[in-house]
Amino acid sequence: MLCSHKEYVELADLEQKWKNLCLPGEKFRAVLELDPCKNKIEWIKFLALGCSMLGGSLTTAMKHLCEILTGDPEGGAACIPFETFSYVYRYLSGLDSDIPASDTETYLASLKENV
């Protein structure tokens, strides 16, 4: 669908990997509080939530996400497929009650014209 990874990851597996990296457990729970789920989460959404926590703004979160997912060399354009970008942008903007869905769609339409 979006990339060549499994679409979903089990929260228990994700939490274990988090612990293996010696990351604070409260940060893991804080990420999941942004969009609570039961047993599994789309990996791209978890990545997006993490980028959102790091970035503080939608623009910065998307910049981090593109830099992580791109196949471009470091310092390059950090391009990712438009479908992936728009999926994550809609997801994150949908979590922000201050961003009307119409603004999101207008923005994505303007970007698509330039792709």
C-alpha atoms as a PDB file:
ATOM      1  CA  MET A   1       0.000   0.000   0.000  1.00  0.00           C
ATOM      2  CA  LEU A   2       2.246   2.829   1.192  1.00  0.00           C
ATOM      3  CA  CYS A   3       5.678   1.221   1.380  1.00  0.00           C
ATOM      4  CA  SER A   4       7.088  -2.287   1.293  1.00  0.00           C
ATOM      5  CA  HIS A   5       6.581  -2.922   5.025  1.00  0.00           C
ATOM      6  CA  LYS A   6       3.899  -4.802   6.925  1.00  0.00           C
ATOM      7  CA  GLU A   7       0.918  -2.514   7.191  1.00  0.00           C
ATOM      8  CA  TYR A   8       0.286  -3.177  10.895  1.00  0.00           C
ATOM      9  CA  VAL A   9       2.544  -3.815  13.874  1.00  0.00           C
ATOM     10  CA  GLU A  10       1.488  -5.405  17.132  1.00  0.00           C
ATOM     11  CA  LEU A  11       1.701  -2.967  20.041  1.00  0.00           C
ATOM     12  CA  ALA A  12       3.386  -5.606  22.213  1.00  0.00           C
ATOM     13  CA  ASP A  13       6.147  -6.067  19.597  1.00  0.00           C
ATOM     14  CA  LEU A  14       6.492  -2.337  19.155  1.00  0.00           C
ATOM     15  CA  GLU A  15       6.721  -1.770  22.897  1.00  0.00           C
ATOM     16  CA  GLN A  16       9.391  -4.476  23.214  1.00  0.00           C
ATOM     17  CA  LYS A  17      11.480  -2.869  20.450  1.00  0.00           C
ATOM     18  CA  TRP A  18      10.999   0.481  22.194  1.00  0.00           C
ATOM     19  CA  LYS A  19      12.302  -0.992  25.467  1.00  0.00           C
ATOM     20  CA  ASN A  20      15.196  -2.700  23.659  1.00  0.00           C
ATOM     21  CA  LEU A  21      16.271   0.745  22.464  1.00  0.00           C
ATOM     22  CA  CYS A  22      16.172   1.937  26.102  1.00  0.00           C
ATOM     23  CA  LEU A  23      13.589   4.578  25.260  1.00  0.00           C
ATOM     24  CA  PRO A  24      11.394   5.835  28.122  1.00  0.00           C
ATOM     25  CA  GLY A  25       8.156   3.890  28.482  1.00  0.00           C
ATOM     26  CA  GLU A  26       6.160   7.031  29.249  1.00  0.00           C
ATOM     27  CA  LYS A  27       7.105   8.426  25.828  1.00  0.00           C
ATOM     28  CA  PHE A  28       5.777   5.264  24.156  1.00  0.00           C
ATOM     29  CA  ARG A  29       2.493   5.634  26.016  1.00  0.00           C
ATOM     30  CA  ALA A  30       2.386   9.349  25.183  1.00  0.00           C
ATOM     31  CA  VAL A  31       2.704   8.566  21.467  1.00  0.00           C
ATOM     32  CA  LEU A  32      -0.163   6.080  21.675  1.00  0.00           C
ATOM     33  CA  GLU A  33      -2.349   8.538  23.595  1.00  0.00           C
ATOM     34  CA  LEU A  34      -2.409  10.758  20.506  1.00  0.00           C
ATOM     35  CA  ASP A  35      -4.512   8.123  18.705  1.00  0.00           C
ATOM     36  CA  PRO A  36      -5.426   5.279  21.072  1.00  0.00           C
ATOM     37  CA  CYS A  37      -5.697   1.767  19.633  1.00  0.00           C
ATOM     38  CA  LYS A  38      -6.129  -1.732  21.092  1.00  0.00           C
ATOM     39  CA  ASN A  39      -3.609  -4.347  19.935  1.00  0.00           C
ATOM     40  CA  LYS A  40      -2.032  -3.083  16.747  1.00  0.00           C
ATOM     41  CA  ILE A  41      -1.374   0.100  14.801  1.00  0.00           C
ATOM     42  CA  GLU A  42      -0.443   0.935  11.243  1.00  0.00           C
ATOM     43  CA  TRP A  43       3.326   1.365  11.353  1.00  0.00           C
ATOM     44  CA  ILE A  44       3.123   4.494   9.191  1.00  0.00           C
ATOM     45  CA  LYS A  45       0.706   6.053  11.688  1.00  0.00           C
ATOM     46  CA  PHE A  46       2.993   5.231  14.609  1.00  0.00           C
ATOM     47  CA  LEU A  47       5.890   6.807  12.729  1.00  0.00           C
ATOM     48  CA  ALA A  48       3.737   9.847  11.964  1.00  0.00           C
ATOM     49  CA  LEU A  49       2.734  10.206  15.618  1.00  0.00           C
ATOM     50  CA  GLY A  50       6.367   9.995  16.688  1.00  0.00           C
ATOM     51  CA  CYS A  51       7.353  12.628  14.129  1.00  0.00           C
ATOM     52  CA  SER A  52       4.497  14.789  15.354  1.00  0.00           C
ATOM     53  CA  MET A  53       5.745  14.587  18.934  1.00  0.00           C
ATOM     54  CA  LEU A  54       9.256  15.499  17.805  1.00  0.00           C
ATOM     55  CA  GLY A  55       8.218  18.293  15.511  1.00  0.00           C
ATOM     56  CA  GLY A  56       5.493  20.126  17.336  1.00  0.00           C
ATOM     57  CA  SER A  57       3.888  21.338  14.107  1.00  0.00           C
ATOM     58  CA  LEU A  58       2.339  19.502  11.181  1.00  0.00           C
ATOM     59  CA  THR A  59       4.914  20.968   8.793  1.00  0.00           C
ATOM     60  CA  THR A  60       7.861  19.893  10.937  1.00  0.00           C
ATOM     61  CA  ALA A  61       6.353  16.442  11.516  1.00  0.00           C
ATOM     62  CA  MET A  62       5.969  15.945   7.759  1.00  0.00           C
ATOM     63  CA  LYS A  63       9.533  17.132   7.181  1.00  0.00           C
ATOM     64  CA  HIS A  64      10.845  14.544   9.674  1.00  0.00           C
ATOM     65  CA  LEU A  65       8.677  11.832   8.141  1.00  0.00           C
ATOM     66  CA  CYS A  66       9.881  12.572   4.603  1.00  0.00           C
ATOM     67  CA  GLU A  67      13.509  12.580   5.739  1.00  0.00           C
ATOM     68  CA  ILE A  68      13.045   9.181   7.406  1.00  0.00           C
ATOM     69  CA  LEU A  69      11.178   7.525   4.531  1.00  0.00           C
ATOM     70  CA  THR A  70      13.027   8.942   1.539  1.00  0.00           C
ATOM     71  CA  GLY A  71      15.431   6.968  -0.577  1.00  0.00           C
ATOM     72  CA  ASP A  72      17.154  10.214  -1.573  1.00  0.00           C
ATOM     73  CA  PRO A  73      20.699  10.853  -0.346  1.00  0.00           C
ATOM     74  CA  GLU A  74      21.071  12.819   2.883  1.00  0.00           C
ATOM     75  CA  GLY A  75      20.733  16.531   2.225  1.00  0.00           C
ATOM     76  CA  GLY A  76      18.630  15.822  -0.873  1.00  0.00           C
ATOM     77  CA  ALA A  77      15.019  16.652  -1.564  1.00  0.00           C
ATOM     78  CA  ALA A  78      13.645  13.912   0.778  1.00  0.00           C
ATOM     79  CA  CYS A  79      10.965  12.888  -1.734  1.00  0.00           C
ATOM     80  CA  ILE A  80       8.405  10.218  -0.882  1.00  0.00           C
ATOM     81  CA  PRO A  81       5.443   9.015  -2.976  1.00  0.00           C
ATOM     82  CA  PHE A  82       2.620  11.563  -3.050  1.00  0.00           C
ATOM     83  CA  GLU A  83       0.159   8.855  -1.967  1.00  0.00           C
ATOM     84  CA  THR A  84       2.188   8.234   1.191  1.00  0.00           C
ATOM     85  CA  PHE A  85       2.582  11.939   1.893  1.00  0.00           C
ATOM     86  CA  SER A  86      -1.119  12.676   1.433  1.00  0.00           C
ATOM     87  CA  TYR A  87      -2.190   9.661   3.522  1.00  0.00           C
ATOM     88  CA  VAL A  88      -0.036  10.757   6.472  1.00  0.00           C
ATOM     89  CA  TYR A  89      -0.866  14.440   6.049  1.00  0.00           C
ATOM     90  CA  ARG A  90      -4.606  13.670   6.137  1.00  0.00           C
ATOM     91  CA  TYR A  91      -4.101  11.451   9.175  1.00  0.00           C
ATOM     92  CA  LEU A  92      -2.132  13.997  11.204  1.00  0.00           C
ATOM     93  CA  SER A  93      -4.252  16.971  10.183  1.00  0.00           C
ATOM     94  CA  GLY A  94      -7.355  14.960  11.099  1.00  0.00           C
ATOM     95  CA  LEU A  95      -6.043  14.662  14.661  1.00  0.00           C
ATOM     96  CA  ASP A  96      -5.787  18.461  14.911  1.00  0.00           C
ATOM     97  CA  SER A  97      -9.215  19.985  15.534  1.00  0.00           C
ATOM     98  CA  ASP A  98      -7.880  23.389  14.449  1.00  0.00           C
ATOM     99  CA  ILE A  99      -7.334  22.231  10.851  1.00  0.00           C
ATOM    100  CA  PRO A 100     -10.535  22.011   8.786  1.00  0.00           C
ATOM    101  CA  ALA A 101     -10.687  19.030   6.413  1.00  0.00           C
ATOM    102  CA  SER A 102     -11.367  21.448   3.554  1.00  0.00           C
ATOM    103  CA  ASP A 103      -8.031  23.202   4.218  1.00  0.00           C
ATOM    104  CA  THR A 104      -6.251  19.851   4.152  1.00  0.00           C
ATOM    105  CA  GLU A 105      -7.809  18.890   0.828  1.00  0.00           C
ATOM    106  CA  THR A 106      -7.106  22.310  -0.697  1.00  0.00           C
ATOM    107  CA  TYR A 107      -3.466  22.084   0.367  1.00  0.00           C
ATOM    108  CA  LEU A 108      -3.038  18.547  -0.983  1.00  0.00           C
ATOM    109  CA  ALA A 109      -4.719  19.477  -4.269  1.00  0.00           C
ATOM    110  CA  SER A 110      -2.311  22.382  -4.702  1.00  0.00           C
ATOM    111  CA  LEU A 111       0.646  20.077  -4.017  1.00  0.00           C
ATOM    112  CA  LYS A 112      -0.594  17.431  -6.439  1.00  0.00           C
ATOM    113  CA  GLU A 113      -0.640  20.000  -9.241  1.00  0.00           C
ATOM    114  CA  ASN A 114       3.106  20.455  -8.739  1.00  0.00           C
ATOM    115  CA  VAL A 115       3.993  16.738  -8.575  1.00  0.00           C
END
